[in-house]
Amino acid sequence: MSFKQGIPQASGMMMNLSRPKLGGFYLGRTMFDIGVNLTSTQFAKDREQVVKRAREAGVTGLLITGTNALESQQARQLAAQHVGYCWSTAGVHPHHASEWSADTANTLRRLAEHEQVVAIGECGLDFNRNLSAHDQQEYAFEAQLALAAELQLPVFLHCREAHDRFVAVLEPWLPKLTGAVVHCFTGTRDELESCLALGLSVGITGWVCDERRGLELREMLPLIPTERLLLETDAPYLLPRDMHPRPPSRRNEPCFLPHIVQQVAKWRGEEAETLGAQLNHNARQLFKLA
């Protein structure tokens, strides 16, 4: 089945998060965080507690992001410590595209043999910081799309200030892919409509909670079909700025996903518990989880 046919359509410092009461009601225990950088050194001292707080907050699953060969191995190992709750991706972020080699491809292929690895990525293009040359980024991106097609795994995508080239590289592979999500989408309305027309799912982070730079994205939320929407914290980055009270640390955690769910539901005119359940379903369907 082609991609377009097969993808679903349209620290103890915290407050008590065992049953997160947000906006006057308790969120149900069904929401999935599709983007957690649990390998980050910011979590070095308390990774187990971070996962524990996420469970207590009602987050029903975490997808740990792999951004290069080493971190993809670490992500898989972390996921293996929490079978049935954590899974991982295996890939090379465009920032690390200059590291791509045949050995890298073989490492990702071996990692994908493990049941914890459910997607290829984070892969794509980033013409904002340009930490790798554009031609290196495109080469590594296409190589990972080919690997995903070979292994019949969905792709976890990154695109920043590179939409036209991103689409040009991605589109020919779509009939061969089982699914794809544009992680941490922060683009324009035209770019969102383009992604949706291609059949992509869309990942939204706490960026949308930022009153300085998230307002345009907030207005676009109703354009995303519910069955194509996924939410993520991108922890430890992108702590939602509209949390009250503000956490004493600027480090984001997956336990704050209920806040993002609540806010996105409000701006979409939906019930938070219903949206959370749909998001959990969307993630498990895209990544083929039990």
Protein backbone atom coordinates (compact mmCIF):
# COMPACT_ATOMS: atom_id res chain seq x y z
CA MET A 1 0.00 0.00 0.00
CA SER A 2 1.37 3.43 -0.87
CA PHE A 3 2.05 6.09 1.70
CA LYS A 4 -0.86 8.30 0.70
CA GLN A 5 -3.21 5.32 0.82
CA GLY A 6 -1.89 3.87 4.03
CA ILE A 7 -1.34 6.88 6.31
CA PRO A 8 -4.21 7.86 8.62
CA GLN A 9 -6.23 10.65 7.14
CA ALA A 10 -7.33 13.72 8.08
CA SER A 11 12.64 16.76 39.35
CA GLY A 12 10.91 16.60 42.57
CA MET A 13 10.78 20.36 41.98
CA MET A 14 7.48 20.05 40.17
CA MET A 15 4.01 20.61 41.47
CA ASN A 16 2.07 17.40 42.21
CA LEU A 17 1.56 15.86 38.76
CA SER A 18 0.07 12.52 39.75
CA ARG A 19 -3.30 13.69 38.45
CA PRO A 20 -2.63 16.93 36.58
CA LYS A 21 -5.48 19.33 37.17
CA LEU A 22 -5.39 21.88 34.38
CA GLY A 23 -7.97 24.53 33.71
CA GLY A 24 -10.36 23.17 36.33
CA PHE A 25 -10.59 19.57 35.17
CA TYR A 26 -8.54 16.40 35.23
CA LEU A 27 -7.15 15.23 31.92
CA GLY A 28 -7.74 11.61 31.05
CA ARG A 29 -4.82 9.21 30.99
CA THR A 30 -4.47 8.98 27.22
CA MET A 31 -1.88 11.16 25.53
CA PHE A 32 1.35 10.31 23.74
CA ASP A 33 4.53 12.42 23.49
CA ILE A 34 6.05 11.74 20.06
CA GLY A 35 9.23 13.78 20.62
CA VAL A 36 11.44 13.52 23.71
CA ASN A 37 15.21 14.07 23.63
CA LEU A 38 15.77 11.79 26.59
CA THR A 39 19.41 11.26 25.63
CA SER A 40 20.13 14.92 26.38
CA THR A 41 22.74 15.60 29.04
CA GLN A 42 20.13 17.82 30.71
CA PHE A 43 18.46 14.60 31.83
CA ALA A 44 21.67 12.87 32.90
CA LYS A 45 20.96 13.09 36.64
CA ASP A 46 17.28 12.14 36.72
CA ARG A 47 16.14 10.27 33.60
CA GLU A 48 14.24 7.66 35.59
CA GLN A 49 12.42 10.36 37.53
CA VAL A 50 11.57 12.15 34.27
CA VAL A 51 9.92 9.01 32.93
CA LYS A 52 8.19 8.42 36.27
CA ARG A 53 6.77 11.96 36.29
CA ALA A 54 5.52 11.50 32.74
CA ARG A 55 3.67 8.33 33.75
CA GLU A 56 2.18 10.04 36.79
CA ALA A 57 1.03 12.96 34.64
CA GLY A 58 -1.01 10.63 32.45
CA VAL A 59 1.33 10.44 29.44
CA THR A 60 0.78 6.96 28.01
CA GLY A 61 3.90 6.67 25.86
CA LEU A 62 7.14 8.39 24.85
CA LEU A 63 9.02 8.34 21.56
CA ILE A 64 12.70 9.03 22.23
CA THR A 65 14.42 10.90 19.42
CA GLY A 66 17.64 9.71 17.79
CA THR A 67 19.63 12.51 16.14
CA ASN A 68 22.88 10.77 15.17
CA ALA A 69 24.27 7.24 15.21
CA LEU A 70 25.43 7.35 18.83
CA GLU A 71 22.32 8.99 20.23
CA SER A 72 20.14 6.61 18.22
CA GLN A 73 21.87 3.72 19.97
CA GLN A 74 21.42 5.43 23.33
CA ALA A 75 17.76 6.13 22.57
CA ARG A 76 17.16 2.47 21.75
CA GLN A 77 18.84 1.41 24.99
CA LEU A 78 16.71 3.82 27.01
CA ALA A 79 13.54 2.59 25.32
CA ALA A 80 14.50 -0.99 26.14
CA GLN A 81 14.49 -0.06 29.83
CA HIS A 82 10.81 0.87 29.60
CA VAL A 83 9.29 -1.76 27.33
CA GLY A 84 5.71 -0.96 26.38
CA TYR A 85 6.06 2.67 27.44
CA CYS A 86 9.07 4.04 25.52
CA TRP A 87 10.08 3.58 21.89
CA SER A 88 12.75 5.30 19.81
CA THR A 89 13.73 6.59 16.41
CA ALA A 90 17.01 5.95 14.62
CA GLY A 91 18.38 8.63 12.36
CA VAL A 92 20.67 11.54 11.62
CA HIS A 93 19.47 15.10 12.16
CA PRO A 94 20.41 17.54 9.37
CA HIS A 95 22.79 19.25 11.80
CA HIS A 96 24.81 16.00 11.79
CA ALA A 97 24.46 15.26 8.07
CA SER A 98 28.18 15.74 7.51
CA GLU A 99 28.69 12.61 9.65
CA TRP A 100 26.70 10.41 7.23
CA SER A 101 28.54 7.37 5.89
CA ALA A 102 27.96 3.78 4.88
CA ASP A 103 28.81 2.80 8.45
CA THR A 104 26.11 5.17 9.71
CA ALA A 105 23.55 3.58 7.42
CA ASN A 106 24.54 0.12 8.61
CA THR A 107 24.26 1.21 12.24
CA LEU A 108 20.73 2.52 11.68
CA ARG A 109 19.76 -0.63 9.81
CA ARG A 110 20.97 -2.79 12.71
CA LEU A 111 19.14 -0.62 15.22
CA ALA A 112 15.94 -0.95 13.25
CA GLU A 113 16.02 -4.70 13.86
CA HIS A 114 15.10 -4.00 17.49
CA GLU A 115 11.43 -3.77 18.34
CA GLN A 116 11.96 -0.53 20.24
CA VAL A 117 12.92 1.34 17.04
CA VAL A 118 9.70 2.34 15.29
CA ALA A 119 10.76 5.13 12.91
CA ILE A 120 13.69 6.45 10.88
CA GLY A 121 14.75 9.97 11.82
CA GLU A 122 15.06 12.63 12.94
CA CYS A 123 15.93 13.40 9.35
CA GLY A 124 15.30 16.24 6.93
CA LEU A 125 16.67 19.66 6.09
CA ASP A 126 17.62 22.68 8.20
CA PHE A 127 18.72 25.72 6.24
CA ASN A 128 18.48 27.98 9.29
CA ARG A 129 21.64 27.12 11.17
CA ASN A 130 23.40 25.31 8.31
CA LEU A 131 25.57 23.19 10.61
CA SER A 132 26.04 20.86 7.64
CA ALA A 133 26.27 21.93 4.00
CA HIS A 134 23.04 21.83 2.00
CA ASP A 135 24.27 19.08 -0.32
CA GLN A 136 25.32 16.95 2.68
CA GLN A 137 21.90 17.44 4.26
CA GLU A 138 20.08 16.43 1.10
CA TYR A 139 22.27 13.38 0.62
CA ALA A 140 21.74 12.14 4.19
CA PHE A 141 18.01 12.92 4.00
CA GLU A 142 17.49 10.92 0.81
CA ALA A 143 19.58 8.05 2.12
CA GLN A 144 17.36 7.84 5.20
CA LEU A 145 14.19 7.97 3.12
CA ALA A 146 15.55 5.06 1.11
CA LEU A 147 16.29 3.18 4.33
CA ALA A 148 12.79 3.83 5.66
CA ALA A 149 11.28 2.58 2.42
CA GLU A 150 13.47 -0.53 2.52
CA LEU A 151 12.59 -1.30 6.14
CA GLN A 152 8.95 -0.20 5.84
CA LEU A 153 9.21 2.19 8.76
CA PRO A 154 7.64 5.65 9.03
CA VAL A 155 9.87 8.71 9.01
CA PHE A 156 10.28 11.35 11.73
CA LEU A 157 10.97 14.53 9.78
CA HIS A 158 12.66 17.87 10.42
CA CYS A 159 12.20 20.92 8.21
CA ARG A 160 13.32 24.45 9.01
CA GLU A 161 13.54 27.22 6.43
CA ALA A 162 13.97 24.61 3.70
CA HIS A 163 10.43 23.74 2.66
CA ASP A 164 10.81 23.77 -1.12
CA ARG A 165 13.89 21.53 -1.15
CA PHE A 166 12.40 19.40 1.64
CA VAL A 167 9.34 18.65 -0.50
CA ALA A 168 11.43 18.12 -3.64
CA VAL A 169 13.51 15.44 -1.92
CA LEU A 170 10.63 13.85 0.02
CA GLU A 171 7.80 13.69 -2.49
CA PRO A 172 9.22 11.02 -4.83
CA TRP A 173 9.58 8.67 -1.85
CA LEU A 174 6.06 9.07 -0.48
CA PRO A 175 4.50 6.16 -2.42
CA LYS A 176 7.15 3.88 -0.89
CA LEU A 177 6.79 5.04 2.72
CA THR A 178 4.41 3.72 5.35
CA GLY A 179 3.92 7.10 7.00
CA ALA A 180 5.57 10.36 8.02
CA VAL A 181 5.27 13.13 10.56
CA VAL A 182 6.77 16.60 10.30
CA HIS A 183 8.13 16.97 13.81
CA CYS A 184 7.95 20.34 15.61
CA PHE A 185 6.18 22.15 12.78
CA THR A 186 6.71 25.93 12.93
CA GLY A 187 6.27 26.88 9.28
CA THR A 188 3.86 29.11 7.40
CA ARG A 189 0.25 28.47 6.44
CA ASP A 190 1.27 27.68 2.86
CA GLU A 191 3.85 25.20 4.14
CA LEU A 192 1.31 23.56 6.43
CA GLU A 193 -1.18 23.20 3.60
CA SER A 194 1.57 21.73 1.43
CA CYS A 195 2.45 19.16 4.10
CA LEU A 196 -1.19 18.19 4.53
CA ALA A 197 -1.67 17.88 0.77
CA LEU A 198 1.25 15.43 0.72
CA GLY A 199 -0.49 13.29 3.34
CA LEU A 200 1.91 14.08 6.18
CA SER A 201 1.02 14.09 9.85
CA VAL A 202 1.99 17.21 11.79
CA GLY A 203 3.73 17.39 15.17
CA ILE A 204 3.03 20.45 17.34
CA THR A 205 5.12 21.43 20.37
CA GLY A 206 4.95 23.99 23.15
CA TRP A 207 6.15 26.53 20.58
CA VAL A 208 2.43 27.16 20.03
CA CYS A 209 2.17 28.32 23.66
CA ASP A 210 4.69 31.13 23.08
CA GLU A 211 2.96 34.51 22.90
CA ARG A 212 5.98 36.00 21.12
CA ARG A 213 6.42 33.59 18.19
CA GLY A 214 3.63 31.01 18.35
CA LEU A 215 0.57 33.10 17.50
CA GLU A 216 0.61 32.40 13.76
CA LEU A 217 0.91 28.68 14.41
CA ARG A 218 -1.89 28.88 16.98
CA GLU A 219 -4.23 30.34 14.36
CA MET A 220 -3.42 27.46 12.00
CA LEU A 221 -4.26 24.68 14.45
CA PRO A 222 -7.86 24.21 13.22
CA LEU A 223 -6.53 23.53 9.71
CA ILE A 224 -4.94 20.25 10.84
CA PRO A 225 -7.35 17.30 10.63
CA THR A 226 -7.63 15.68 14.04
CA GLU A 227 -6.46 12.33 12.69
CA ARG A 228 -3.26 13.94 11.34
CA LEU A 229 -2.36 15.83 14.52
CA LEU A 230 0.35 14.71 16.94
CA LEU A 231 1.70 16.56 19.98
CA GLU A 232 5.16 16.54 21.52
CA THR A 233 7.20 18.35 24.12
CA ASP A 234 10.59 18.20 22.34
CA ALA A 235 11.90 18.11 25.92
CA PRO A 236 14.19 19.41 27.31
CA TYR A 237 13.57 22.23 24.84
CA LEU A 238 10.55 24.48 24.23
CA LEU A 239 9.08 24.73 27.72
CA PRO A 240 5.57 26.23 27.27
CA ARG A 241 5.76 29.89 28.25
CA ASP A 242 2.13 30.15 29.35
CA MET A 243 2.30 27.69 32.24
CA HIS A 244 1.09 29.09 35.57
CA PRO A 245 2.76 28.75 37.93
CA ARG A 246 5.94 28.64 35.86
CA PRO A 247 8.22 25.71 36.73
CA PRO A 248 11.34 26.86 38.61
CA SER A 249 13.54 25.34 35.88
CA ARG A 250 13.46 26.25 32.18
CA ARG A 251 13.97 22.58 31.32
CA ASN A 252 10.96 21.08 29.60
CA GLU A 253 9.73 17.58 30.48
CA PRO A 254 7.19 15.16 29.01
CA CYS A 255 5.11 15.54 32.18
CA PHE A 256 4.11 18.97 30.80
CA LEU A 257 2.41 17.42 27.76
CA PRO A 258 -1.04 17.67 29.43
CA HIS A 259 -0.67 21.45 29.39
CA ILE A 260 0.03 21.46 25.65
CA VAL A 261 -2.93 19.14 25.06
CA GLN A 262 -5.20 21.42 27.04
CA GLN A 263 -4.10 24.57 25.23
CA VAL A 264 -4.24 23.04 21.76
CA ALA A 265 -7.71 21.65 22.49
CA LYS A 266 -8.88 25.09 23.61
CA TRP A 267 -7.55 26.79 20.50
CA ARG A 268 -9.08 24.11 18.27
CA GLY A 269 -12.44 24.25 20.08
CA GLU A 270 -12.26 20.62 21.24
CA GLU A 271 -12.46 18.75 24.52
CA ALA A 272 -9.02 18.09 25.93
CA GLU A 273 -9.73 14.52 27.03
CA THR A 274 -11.17 13.61 23.64
CA LEU A 275 -8.23 15.20 21.84
CA GLY A 276 -5.73 13.43 24.11
CA ALA A 277 -7.29 10.07 23.34
CA GLN A 278 -7.21 10.80 19.60
CA LEU A 279 -3.56 11.84 19.79
CA ASN A 280 -2.68 8.61 21.56
CA HIS A 281 -4.50 6.68 18.83
CA ASN A 282 -2.79 8.66 16.07
CA ALA A 283 0.69 7.98 17.45
CA ARG A 284 0.09 4.28 17.97
CA GLN A 285 -1.35 3.89 14.49
CA LEU A 286 1.44 5.82 12.74
CA PHE A 287 4.24 4.01 14.58
CA LYS A 288 2.43 0.64 14.63
CA LEU A 289 2.48 0.25 18.40
CA ALA A 290 0.47 -2.22 20.43
